[in-house]
């Protein structure tokens, strides 16, 4: 809603509650001036230093999964099987409506398969699942080989066995964020595993 629309809404509300209003229409504020950031205004940040400093922020670890495509034989192998990748950039976003979000690299080979599915399940990993996470952190390969899972109730996305929690979602929106995409999911179902299990944490480039 633009400035004019917000002003009109405010006027209608004031009239509905009997508050005095101005006689003349409320004029919209001018739009803000937008411009690109010039090269000489960018702070030079070395990527390695960026990773080092931001690595001091400890995060939980998840595996984001999506169901097999229609041409899959359900074996979990090859490009047609279920999709999944390890993700530490995950967060809750909104209570009403219930939304979560995760970040994925724009060059990810797994993301297009999740996007085609239109759904995903976030599996929150416990401290005992570090090896499982490493298997999903590699590019390519048969990530689901030997991995126990069932179908999440709303979307059918893989729900990994022994995960601390799972959040079953449909894709709500996708936004660009530099070299990553910000994927917003609407929560359709969710639950927990062992409430007493310690979380798997990632800090300074390693599990803790």
Protein backbone atom coordinates (compact mmCIF):
# COMPACT_ATOMS: atom_id res chain seq x y z
CA UNK A 1 0.00 0.00 0.00
CA UNK A 2 1.46 3.40 -1.01
CA UNK A 3 1.49 6.60 1.02
CA UNK A 4 -1.77 7.80 -0.51
CA UNK A 5 -3.52 4.52 0.27
CA UNK A 6 -2.30 4.55 3.86
CA UNK A 7 -3.44 8.16 4.30
CA UNK A 8 -6.89 7.35 2.93
CA UNK A 9 -7.19 4.35 5.23
CA UNK A 10 -6.26 6.50 8.23
CA UNK A 11 -8.89 9.08 7.33
CA UNK A 12 -11.61 6.42 6.97
CA UNK A 13 -10.70 4.99 10.36
CA UNK A 14 -10.81 8.38 12.10
CA UNK A 15 -14.23 9.07 10.60
CA UNK A 16 -15.53 5.66 11.71
CA UNK A 17 -14.63 6.34 15.36
CA UNK A 18 -16.00 9.87 15.32
CA UNK A 19 -12.64 11.60 15.52
CA UNK A 20 -12.31 15.03 13.89
CA UNK A 21 -10.61 14.99 10.51
CA UNK A 22 -9.12 17.67 8.33
CA UNK A 23 -11.35 19.21 5.70
CA UNK A 24 -8.81 18.95 2.91
CA UNK A 25 -7.57 15.62 1.50
CA UNK A 26 -4.34 14.36 2.97
CA UNK A 27 -1.53 14.67 0.45
CA UNK A 28 0.79 11.72 -0.06
CA UNK A 29 4.44 12.14 0.89
CA UNK A 30 6.91 12.15 -1.99
CA UNK A 31 8.55 8.78 -2.65
CA UNK A 32 12.05 8.33 -1.23
CA UNK A 33 14.98 8.86 -3.56
CA UNK A 34 16.64 5.59 -4.51
CA UNK A 35 20.07 5.25 -6.05
CA UNK A 36 22.69 2.59 -6.57
CA UNK A 37 25.65 2.33 -4.22
CA UNK A 38 28.78 3.57 -5.96
CA UNK A 39 31.91 1.40 -6.04
CA UNK A 40 33.88 3.91 -3.96
CA UNK A 41 31.20 3.71 -1.23
CA UNK A 42 31.55 -0.03 -0.71
CA UNK A 43 33.47 -1.09 2.38
CA UNK A 44 36.25 -3.47 1.29
CA UNK A 45 35.53 -6.74 3.12
CA UNK A 46 37.70 -9.77 2.48
CA UNK A 47 35.55 -12.89 2.07
CA UNK A 48 37.81 -15.00 4.28
CA UNK A 49 37.65 -12.38 7.02
CA UNK A 50 33.88 -12.17 6.59
CA UNK A 51 33.61 -15.93 7.16
CA UNK A 52 36.00 -15.83 10.12
CA UNK A 53 34.17 -13.09 11.96
CA UNK A 54 30.65 -14.34 11.23
CA UNK A 55 31.77 -17.83 12.26
CA UNK A 56 31.75 -16.61 15.86
CA UNK A 57 27.95 -16.71 15.73
CA UNK A 58 26.92 -20.22 16.74
CA UNK A 59 23.96 -21.65 14.84
CA UNK A 60 21.81 -24.73 14.89
CA UNK A 61 22.06 -27.15 11.97
CA UNK A 62 19.25 -28.46 9.77
CA UNK A 63 18.75 -30.60 6.70
CA UNK A 64 16.20 -29.18 4.26
CA UNK A 65 14.53 -31.91 2.19
CA UNK A 66 12.00 -32.15 -0.64
CA UNK A 67 10.14 -35.18 -2.06
CA UNK A 68 11.22 -37.13 -5.10
CA UNK A 69 10.17 -35.84 -8.48
CA UNK A 70 7.42 -37.61 -10.41
CA UNK A 71 9.89 -39.48 -12.61
CA UNK A 72 11.73 -40.95 -9.63
CA UNK A 73 11.61 -44.64 -8.86
CA UNK A 74 11.64 -43.77 -5.18
CA UNK A 75 15.05 -45.31 -4.59
CA UNK A 76 16.58 -42.06 -3.43
CA UNK A 77 19.39 -42.29 -5.97
CA UNK A 78 20.16 -40.10 -8.95
CA UNK A 79 18.65 -36.78 -9.94
CA UNK A 80 15.09 -38.07 -9.68
CA UNK A 81 15.23 -39.07 -6.01
CA UNK A 82 14.40 -36.90 -3.01
CA UNK A 83 16.44 -33.73 -2.57
CA UNK A 84 18.22 -32.47 0.50
CA UNK A 85 21.06 -30.27 1.72
CA UNK A 86 22.61 -29.25 5.04
CA UNK A 87 21.57 -25.74 6.05
CA UNK A 88 22.63 -23.65 9.03
CA UNK A 89 20.97 -20.45 7.79
CA UNK A 90 17.47 -21.19 9.06
CA UNK A 91 15.12 -19.12 11.20
CA UNK A 92 11.55 -18.73 12.34
CA UNK A 93 10.01 -15.66 10.73
CA UNK A 94 6.34 -15.09 11.62
CA UNK A 95 3.66 -16.44 13.96
CA UNK A 96 0.64 -15.20 11.99
CA UNK A 97 0.81 -16.58 9.41
CA UNK A 98 3.28 -19.24 10.55
CA UNK A 99 6.39 -18.67 8.42
CA UNK A 100 10.00 -19.84 8.50
CA UNK A 101 12.89 -19.09 6.17
CA UNK A 102 16.19 -20.54 5.04
CA UNK A 103 19.00 -19.30 2.84
CA UNK A 104 20.48 -21.26 -0.05
CA UNK A 105 23.28 -20.40 -2.47
CA UNK A 106 22.11 -19.32 -5.91
CA UNK A 107 24.47 -21.87 -7.47
CA UNK A 108 23.07 -24.75 -5.43
CA UNK A 109 22.27 -27.82 -7.52
CA UNK A 110 19.70 -28.96 -4.95
CA UNK A 111 17.64 -25.78 -4.83
CA UNK A 112 16.08 -26.12 -8.32
CA UNK A 113 14.70 -29.53 -7.31
CA UNK A 114 13.20 -28.10 -4.12
CA UNK A 115 11.76 -25.19 -6.10
CA UNK A 116 10.12 -27.58 -8.59
CA UNK A 117 8.60 -29.55 -5.72
CA UNK A 118 7.19 -26.36 -4.20
CA UNK A 119 7.47 -27.86 -0.72
CA UNK A 120 10.14 -28.74 1.82
CA UNK A 121 10.73 -30.10 5.31
CA UNK A 122 13.26 -28.60 7.71
CA UNK A 123 14.84 -31.32 9.86
CA UNK A 124 16.47 -29.87 12.99
CA UNK A 125 19.43 -32.09 13.85
CA UNK A 126 20.51 -33.35 17.27
CA UNK A 127 24.06 -33.48 18.59
CA UNK A 128 24.37 -37.15 17.60
CA UNK A 129 23.72 -36.43 13.90
CA UNK A 130 26.95 -34.75 12.88
CA UNK A 131 27.89 -37.51 10.44
CA UNK A 132 24.44 -37.38 8.89
CA UNK A 133 24.85 -33.64 8.38
CA UNK A 134 28.22 -34.12 6.67
CA UNK A 135 26.59 -36.50 4.21
CA UNK A 136 24.09 -33.83 3.20
CA UNK A 137 26.74 -31.09 3.04
CA UNK A 138 28.51 -32.55 -0.01
CA UNK A 139 27.55 -31.76 -3.59
CA UNK A 140 26.03 -34.59 -5.60
CA UNK A 141 26.17 -38.21 -4.57
CA UNK A 142 23.48 -40.40 -3.11
CA UNK A 143 22.72 -38.34 -0.02
CA UNK A 144 19.81 -40.52 1.10
CA UNK A 145 21.65 -43.85 0.78
CA UNK A 146 21.28 -45.65 4.10
CA UNK A 147 19.34 -42.74 5.65
CA UNK A 148 16.14 -43.63 7.48
CA UNK A 149 13.19 -41.32 6.84
CA UNK A 150 9.45 -41.27 6.34
CA UNK A 151 7.08 -38.84 4.63
CA UNK A 152 6.16 -35.62 6.41
CA UNK A 153 2.36 -35.49 6.80
CA UNK A 154 1.49 -32.38 4.80
CA UNK A 155 3.92 -32.38 1.87
CA UNK A 156 5.47 -35.84 1.75
CA UNK A 157 8.96 -34.38 2.08
CA UNK A 158 11.51 -36.68 3.76
CA UNK A 159 11.31 -36.47 7.55
CA UNK A 160 14.62 -37.78 8.85
CA UNK A 161 14.59 -40.34 11.64
CA UNK A 162 15.73 -39.15 15.08
CA UNK A 163 15.67 -35.45 14.15
CA UNK A 164 15.09 -33.17 17.13
CA UNK A 165 12.26 -31.38 15.31
CA UNK A 166 10.69 -31.14 11.87
CA UNK A 167 8.83 -28.32 10.12
CA UNK A 168 6.76 -29.27 7.05
CA UNK A 169 6.26 -26.34 4.65
CA UNK A 170 5.04 -25.09 1.30
CA UNK A 171 7.09 -22.42 -0.46
CA UNK A 172 5.52 -19.04 0.31
CA UNK A 173 7.98 -16.62 -1.33
CA UNK A 174 11.54 -16.41 -2.64
CA UNK A 175 13.69 -13.25 -2.45
CA UNK A 176 17.19 -12.49 -3.71
CA UNK A 177 19.93 -11.67 -1.22
CA UNK A 178 23.29 -11.18 -2.91
CA UNK A 179 24.72 -14.57 -3.86
CA UNK A 180 21.97 -16.36 -1.90
CA UNK A 181 18.21 -16.79 -2.10
CA UNK A 182 15.93 -16.19 0.87
CA UNK A 183 13.26 -18.89 0.81
CA UNK A 184 10.15 -18.28 2.92
CA UNK A 185 8.01 -21.27 3.80
CA UNK A 186 4.49 -21.42 5.19
CA UNK A 187 4.32 -24.03 7.95
CA UNK A 188 1.69 -26.72 7.30
CA UNK A 189 2.69 -29.17 10.06
CA UNK A 190 5.45 -29.56 12.63
CA UNK A 191 6.57 -31.63 15.56
CA UNK A 192 9.44 -32.73 17.77
CA UNK A 193 11.37 -35.91 18.37
CA UNK A 194 13.25 -36.44 21.60
CA UNK A 195 12.72 -33.22 23.56
CA UNK A 196 15.69 -34.08 25.79
CA UNK A 197 18.18 -34.41 22.92
CA UNK A 198 20.98 -31.82 22.78
CA UNK A 199 21.13 -29.73 19.58
CA UNK A 200 23.79 -29.98 16.91
CA UNK A 201 25.60 -26.62 16.82
CA UNK A 202 28.01 -25.15 14.30
CA UNK A 203 30.65 -22.69 15.54
CA UNK A 204 33.89 -21.44 13.98
CA UNK A 205 33.70 -23.94 11.15
CA UNK A 206 33.04 -27.07 13.17
CA UNK A 207 30.37 -28.91 15.11
CA UNK A 208 30.29 -28.32 18.87
